[in-house]
């Protein structure tokens, strides 16, 4: 029986690769070389992380403003402009969520169409 140098799993004497982790049992491990596709994937994954904090920051900011306006509307005796009482701000949340879903859909489709 041969033991894997990587994970310690016991394998048959004729096995060339470990049954558990797939490491080579016959020689030194091969070095991994990044291909152009691997580099492109890393760039795409890194770019996704940059836009997410900005998006969630905008969402949190909008929700905070909406809550503040609702609190101010309900304070008795506070003299606010009439347009603040008349304007309905909640449609903004729906608009932002709809845009986020559309953008996510386009990103998913563009990733699927790449070779």
N, C-alpha and C. Protein backbone atom coordinates (compact mmCIF):
# COMPACT_ATOMS: atom_id res chain seq x y z
N UNK A 1 0.83 -1.19 0.00
CA UNK A 1 0.00 0.00 0.00
C UNK A 1 0.87 1.25 0.00
N UNK A 2 0.38 2.26 -0.72
CA UNK A 2 1.10 3.53 -0.83
C UNK A 2 0.29 4.60 -0.10
N UNK A 3 0.99 5.43 0.67
CA UNK A 3 0.34 6.53 1.38
C UNK A 3 0.60 7.83 0.64
N UNK A 4 -0.44 8.65 0.55
CA UNK A 4 -0.32 9.94 -0.12
C UNK A 4 0.52 10.88 0.74
N UNK A 5 1.47 11.56 0.12
CA UNK A 5 2.32 12.51 0.84
C UNK A 5 1.58 13.79 1.18
N UNK A 6 0.50 14.03 0.48
CA UNK A 6 -0.25 15.28 0.70
C UNK A 6 -1.29 15.14 1.81
N UNK A 7 -2.12 14.08 1.75
CA UNK A 7 -3.22 13.95 2.71
C UNK A 7 -3.09 12.74 3.63
N UNK A 8 -2.19 11.82 3.33
CA UNK A 8 -1.99 10.66 4.18
C UNK A 8 -2.92 9.48 3.90
N UNK A 9 -3.77 9.55 2.90
CA UNK A 9 -4.71 8.48 2.56
C UNK A 9 -3.96 7.26 2.03
N UNK A 10 -4.39 6.08 2.44
CA UNK A 10 -3.80 4.83 1.97
C UNK A 10 -4.40 4.48 0.61
N UNK A 11 -3.55 4.17 -0.38
CA UNK A 11 -3.98 3.85 -1.74
C UNK A 11 -3.37 2.52 -2.17
N UNK A 12 -3.93 1.95 -3.22
CA UNK A 12 -3.39 0.70 -3.78
C UNK A 12 -1.97 0.92 -4.30
N UNK A 13 -1.16 -0.15 -4.37
CA UNK A 13 0.22 -0.05 -4.85
C UNK A 13 0.30 0.42 -6.30
N UNK A 14 -0.69 0.08 -7.12
CA UNK A 14 -0.66 0.43 -8.53
C UNK A 14 -1.25 1.82 -8.82
N UNK A 15 -1.78 2.48 -7.78
CA UNK A 15 -2.42 3.78 -7.99
C UNK A 15 -1.38 4.83 -8.34
N UNK A 16 -1.71 5.69 -9.31
CA UNK A 16 -0.82 6.78 -9.69
C UNK A 16 -1.25 8.09 -9.03
N UNK A 17 -2.53 8.16 -8.68
CA UNK A 17 -3.06 9.37 -8.04
C UNK A 17 -3.83 8.98 -6.80
N UNK A 18 -3.84 9.84 -5.81
CA UNK A 18 -4.54 9.60 -4.56
C UNK A 18 -6.04 9.56 -4.79
N UNK A 19 -6.71 8.58 -4.16
CA UNK A 19 -8.16 8.45 -4.29
C UNK A 19 -8.90 9.56 -3.55
N UNK A 20 -8.26 10.20 -2.57
CA UNK A 20 -8.92 11.23 -1.78
C UNK A 20 -8.69 12.64 -2.34
N UNK A 21 -7.43 13.00 -2.57
CA UNK A 21 -7.14 14.39 -2.96
C UNK A 21 -6.66 14.54 -4.40
N UNK A 22 -6.34 13.43 -5.07
CA UNK A 22 -5.93 13.50 -6.46
C UNK A 22 -4.46 13.81 -6.67
N UNK A 23 -3.67 13.91 -5.61
CA UNK A 23 -2.25 14.22 -5.74
C UNK A 23 -1.51 13.04 -6.40
N UNK A 24 -0.44 13.34 -7.10
CA UNK A 24 0.35 12.31 -7.76
C UNK A 24 1.07 11.45 -6.71
N UNK A 25 1.01 10.14 -6.91
CA UNK A 25 1.69 9.22 -6.01
C UNK A 25 3.00 8.71 -6.60
N UNK A 26 3.30 9.08 -7.85
CA UNK A 26 4.46 8.52 -8.54
C UNK A 26 5.66 9.45 -8.62
N UNK A 27 5.51 10.70 -8.37
CA UNK A 27 6.63 11.61 -8.50
C UNK A 27 6.37 12.91 -7.77
N UNK A 28 7.30 13.83 -7.94
CA UNK A 28 7.11 15.12 -7.26
C UNK A 28 5.90 15.86 -7.85
N UNK A 29 5.24 16.67 -7.03
CA UNK A 29 4.08 17.40 -7.54
C UNK A 29 4.47 18.38 -8.64
N UNK A 30 3.61 18.45 -9.64
CA UNK A 30 3.87 19.38 -10.74
C UNK A 30 3.56 20.79 -10.31
N UNK A 31 4.31 21.75 -10.87
CA UNK A 31 4.03 23.15 -10.58
C UNK A 31 2.86 23.61 -11.42
N UNK A 32 2.05 24.43 -10.83
CA UNK A 32 0.86 24.94 -11.51
C UNK A 32 1.23 26.24 -12.22
N UNK A 33 0.90 26.32 -13.48
CA UNK A 33 1.13 27.54 -14.24
C UNK A 33 -0.22 28.16 -14.56
N UNK A 34 -0.32 29.47 -14.32
CA UNK A 34 -1.56 30.17 -14.63
C UNK A 34 -1.69 30.36 -16.12
N UNK A 35 -2.87 30.10 -16.60
CA UNK A 35 -3.15 30.35 -18.01
C UNK A 35 -3.76 31.75 -18.14
N UNK A 36 -3.89 32.20 -19.37
CA UNK A 36 -4.48 33.51 -19.61
C UNK A 36 -5.92 33.55 -19.08
N UNK A 37 -6.63 32.45 -19.23
CA UNK A 37 -8.02 32.38 -18.74
C UNK A 37 -8.07 32.50 -17.23
N UNK A 38 -7.11 31.89 -16.52
CA UNK A 38 -7.05 32.01 -15.06
C UNK A 38 -6.85 33.46 -14.64
N UNK A 39 -5.96 34.17 -15.35
CA UNK A 39 -5.69 35.56 -15.03
C UNK A 39 -6.92 36.43 -15.29
N UNK A 40 -7.63 36.16 -16.40
CA UNK A 40 -8.84 36.91 -16.71
C UNK A 40 -9.91 36.66 -15.64
N UNK A 41 -10.01 35.42 -15.18
CA UNK A 41 -10.99 35.08 -14.16
C UNK A 41 -10.67 35.82 -12.86
N UNK A 42 -9.39 35.88 -12.49
CA UNK A 42 -9.01 36.59 -11.28
C UNK A 42 -9.33 38.08 -11.39
N UNK A 43 -9.10 38.66 -12.56
CA UNK A 43 -9.42 40.08 -12.76
C UNK A 43 -10.92 40.32 -12.66
N UNK A 44 -11.71 39.44 -13.27
CA UNK A 44 -13.17 39.58 -13.21
C UNK A 44 -13.67 39.46 -11.77
N UNK A 45 -13.15 38.49 -11.05
CA UNK A 45 -13.58 38.29 -9.67
C UNK A 45 -13.18 39.48 -8.80
N UNK A 46 -12.01 40.04 -9.03
CA UNK A 46 -11.56 41.20 -8.27
C UNK A 46 -12.41 42.41 -8.60
N UNK A 47 -12.81 42.56 -9.85
CA UNK A 47 -13.62 43.71 -10.24
C UNK A 47 -15.02 43.64 -9.64
N UNK A 48 -15.55 42.45 -9.46
CA UNK A 48 -16.88 42.32 -8.87
C UNK A 48 -16.90 42.84 -7.45
N UNK A 49 -15.86 42.56 -6.71
CA UNK A 49 -15.82 42.99 -5.32
C UNK A 49 -15.74 44.49 -5.16
N UNK A 50 -15.31 45.22 -6.18
CA UNK A 50 -15.16 46.67 -6.07
C UNK A 50 -16.48 47.40 -6.18
N UNK A 51 -17.42 46.86 -6.95
CA UNK A 51 -18.69 47.56 -7.14
C UNK A 51 -19.70 47.24 -6.04
N UNK A 52 -19.58 46.12 -5.40
CA UNK A 52 -20.56 45.73 -4.39
C UNK A 52 -20.61 46.69 -3.20
N UNK A 53 -19.48 47.10 -2.61
CA UNK A 53 -19.57 48.04 -1.48
C UNK A 53 -20.22 49.37 -1.86
N UNK A 54 -19.95 49.87 -3.05
CA UNK A 54 -20.56 51.13 -3.48
C UNK A 54 -22.07 50.96 -3.61
N UNK A 55 -22.51 49.86 -4.18
CA UNK A 55 -23.94 49.61 -4.34
C UNK A 55 -24.63 49.54 -2.98
N UNK A 56 -24.08 48.76 -2.07
CA UNK A 56 -24.70 48.63 -0.76
C UNK A 56 -24.61 49.93 0.03
N UNK A 57 -23.56 50.71 -0.19
CA UNK A 57 -23.46 52.01 0.45
C UNK A 57 -24.59 52.93 0.01
N UNK A 58 -24.91 52.92 -1.29
CA UNK A 58 -26.02 53.73 -1.80
C UNK A 58 -27.34 53.25 -1.21
N UNK A 59 -27.55 51.96 -1.16
CA UNK A 59 -28.78 51.41 -0.59
C UNK A 59 -28.94 51.85 0.86
N UNK A 60 -27.90 51.70 1.65
CA UNK A 60 -27.97 52.06 3.07
C UNK A 60 -28.21 53.56 3.23
N UNK A 61 -27.55 54.36 2.41
CA UNK A 61 -27.74 55.80 2.46
C UNK A 61 -29.19 56.18 2.14
N UNK A 62 -29.76 55.59 1.09
CA UNK A 62 -31.16 55.88 0.73
C UNK A 62 -32.12 55.46 1.83
N UNK A 63 -31.91 54.29 2.39
CA UNK A 63 -32.80 53.82 3.45
C UNK A 63 -32.69 54.75 4.66
N UNK A 64 -31.48 55.17 4.99
CA UNK A 64 -31.30 56.09 6.11
C UNK A 64 -32.00 57.42 5.89
N UNK A 65 -31.90 57.96 4.68
CA UNK A 65 -32.58 59.23 4.36
C UNK A 65 -34.10 59.06 4.44
N UNK A 66 -34.60 57.96 3.92
CA UNK A 66 -36.04 57.72 3.96
C UNK A 66 -36.55 57.60 5.39
N UNK A 67 -35.80 56.90 6.23
CA UNK A 67 -36.21 56.76 7.63
C UNK A 67 -36.18 58.11 8.33
N UNK A 68 -35.15 58.91 8.07
CA UNK A 68 -35.04 60.24 8.67
C UNK A 68 -36.23 61.11 8.26
N UNK A 69 -36.59 61.09 6.99
CA UNK A 69 -37.71 61.90 6.51
C UNK A 69 -39.02 61.44 7.15
N UNK A 70 -39.21 60.14 7.27
CA UNK A 70 -40.44 59.63 7.91
C UNK A 70 -40.50 60.04 9.37
N UNK A 71 -39.36 60.01 10.06
CA UNK A 71 -39.34 60.44 11.47
C UNK A 71 -39.66 61.93 11.56
N UNK A 72 -39.06 62.74 10.70
CA UNK A 72 -39.31 64.17 10.72
C UNK A 72 -40.77 64.50 10.39
N UNK A 73 -41.38 63.74 9.48
CA UNK A 73 -42.78 63.97 9.12
C UNK A 73 -43.71 63.76 10.31
N UNK A 74 -43.34 62.86 11.20
CA UNK A 74 -44.23 62.49 12.31
C UNK A 74 -43.97 63.28 13.60
N UNK A 75 -43.07 64.23 13.57
CA UNK A 75 -42.85 65.07 14.75
C UNK A 75 -43.89 66.19 14.74
N UNK A 76 -44.74 66.23 15.75
CA UNK A 76 -45.79 67.26 15.76
C UNK A 76 -45.18 68.65 15.96
N UNK A 77 -45.72 69.62 15.24
CA UNK A 77 -45.29 71.00 15.39
C UNK A 77 -44.05 71.37 14.60
N UNK A 78 -43.41 70.41 13.95
CA UNK A 78 -42.22 70.70 13.15
C UNK A 78 -42.67 71.25 11.80
N UNK A 79 -42.16 72.44 11.46
CA UNK A 79 -42.59 73.12 10.24
C UNK A 79 -41.69 72.68 9.08
N UNK A 80 -42.16 71.70 8.32
CA UNK A 80 -41.43 71.20 7.15
C UNK A 80 -42.06 71.73 5.88
N UNK A 81 -41.30 71.84 4.80
CA UNK A 81 -41.91 72.25 3.53
C UNK A 81 -43.01 71.26 3.12
N UNK A 82 -44.01 71.77 2.46
CA UNK A 82 -45.15 70.95 2.08
C UNK A 82 -44.76 69.81 1.15
N UNK A 83 -43.77 70.04 0.27
CA UNK A 83 -43.39 68.99 -0.66
C UNK A 83 -42.84 67.77 0.05
N UNK A 84 -42.24 67.96 1.24
CA UNK A 84 -41.78 66.80 2.00
C UNK A 84 -42.96 65.97 2.50
N UNK A 85 -44.05 66.62 2.81
CA UNK A 85 -45.24 65.88 3.26
C UNK A 85 -45.93 65.20 2.08
N UNK A 86 -45.89 65.83 0.91
CA UNK A 86 -46.61 65.31 -0.25
C UNK A 86 -45.85 64.26 -1.05
N UNK A 87 -44.53 64.34 -1.04
CA UNK A 87 -43.72 63.48 -1.91
C UNK A 87 -43.58 62.09 -1.31
N UNK A 88 -43.75 61.08 -2.16
CA UNK A 88 -43.60 59.69 -1.73
C UNK A 88 -42.21 59.21 -2.15
N UNK A 89 -41.34 58.98 -1.17
CA UNK A 89 -39.96 58.59 -1.44
C UNK A 89 -39.76 57.09 -1.62
N UNK A 90 -40.73 56.27 -1.26
CA UNK A 90 -40.51 54.82 -1.22
C UNK A 90 -40.32 54.20 -2.61
N UNK A 91 -40.72 54.87 -3.66
CA UNK A 91 -40.52 54.33 -5.00
C UNK A 91 -39.03 54.26 -5.35
N UNK A 92 -38.21 55.07 -4.67
CA UNK A 92 -36.77 55.06 -4.94
C UNK A 92 -36.16 53.70 -4.59
N UNK A 93 -36.59 53.11 -3.48
CA UNK A 93 -36.09 51.78 -3.08
C UNK A 93 -36.42 50.75 -4.16
N UNK A 94 -37.64 50.77 -4.64
CA UNK A 94 -38.03 49.83 -5.70
C UNK A 94 -37.20 50.03 -6.95
N UNK A 95 -36.95 51.29 -7.31
CA UNK A 95 -36.13 51.59 -8.50
C UNK A 95 -34.71 51.06 -8.35
N UNK A 96 -34.10 51.28 -7.20
CA UNK A 96 -32.72 50.83 -6.98
C UNK A 96 -32.65 49.30 -7.00
N UNK A 97 -33.60 48.64 -6.38
CA UNK A 97 -33.61 47.17 -6.38
C UNK A 97 -33.82 46.63 -7.79
N UNK A 98 -34.73 47.25 -8.55
CA UNK A 98 -34.96 46.81 -9.92
C UNK A 98 -33.70 46.98 -10.77
N UNK A 99 -33.02 48.11 -10.63
CA UNK A 99 -31.77 48.32 -11.38
C UNK A 99 -30.70 47.30 -10.97
N UNK A 100 -30.62 46.98 -9.69
CA UNK A 100 -29.63 46.00 -9.23
C UNK A 100 -29.91 44.63 -9.84
N UNK A 101 -31.16 44.25 -9.92
CA UNK A 101 -31.52 42.95 -10.51
C UNK A 101 -31.18 42.94 -12.00
N UNK A 102 -31.48 44.03 -12.70
CA UNK A 102 -31.18 44.10 -14.13
C UNK A 102 -29.67 44.03 -14.36
N UNK A 103 -28.90 44.77 -13.59
CA UNK A 103 -27.44 44.76 -13.75
C UNK A 103 -26.88 43.37 -13.45
N UNK A 104 -27.37 42.73 -12.39
CA UNK A 104 -26.90 41.38 -12.05
C UNK A 104 -27.23 40.40 -13.17
N UNK A 105 -28.39 40.55 -13.77
CA UNK A 105 -28.77 39.67 -14.88
C UNK A 105 -27.86 39.85 -16.08
N UNK A 106 -27.55 41.11 -16.43
CA UNK A 106 -26.63 41.36 -17.53
C UNK A 106 -25.24 40.79 -17.24
N UNK A 107 -24.78 40.93 -16.00
CA UNK A 107 -23.45 40.40 -15.67
C UNK A 107 -23.43 38.88 -15.78
N UNK A 108 -24.51 38.23 -15.34
CA UNK A 108 -24.57 36.77 -15.43
C UNK A 108 -24.59 36.33 -16.89
N UNK A 109 -25.36 37.01 -17.71
CA UNK A 109 -25.42 36.67 -19.14
C UNK A 109 -24.09 36.90 -19.84
N UNK A 110 -23.41 37.98 -19.49
CA UNK A 110 -22.13 38.26 -20.15
C UNK A 110 -21.07 37.24 -19.75
N UNK A 111 -21.13 36.72 -18.51
CA UNK A 111 -20.17 35.70 -18.09
C UNK A 111 -20.44 34.38 -18.80
N UNK A 112 -21.70 34.05 -19.05
CA UNK A 112 -22.04 32.80 -19.71
C UNK A 112 -21.64 32.82 -21.18
N UNK A 113 -21.67 33.99 -21.80
CA UNK A 113 -21.37 34.07 -23.22
C UNK A 113 -19.88 34.09 -23.52
N UNK A 114 -19.04 34.27 -22.49
CA UNK A 114 -17.59 34.27 -22.71
C UNK A 114 -17.12 32.83 -22.91
N UNK A 115 -16.12 32.63 -23.80
CA UNK A 115 -15.64 31.27 -24.05
C UNK A 115 -14.89 30.68 -22.90
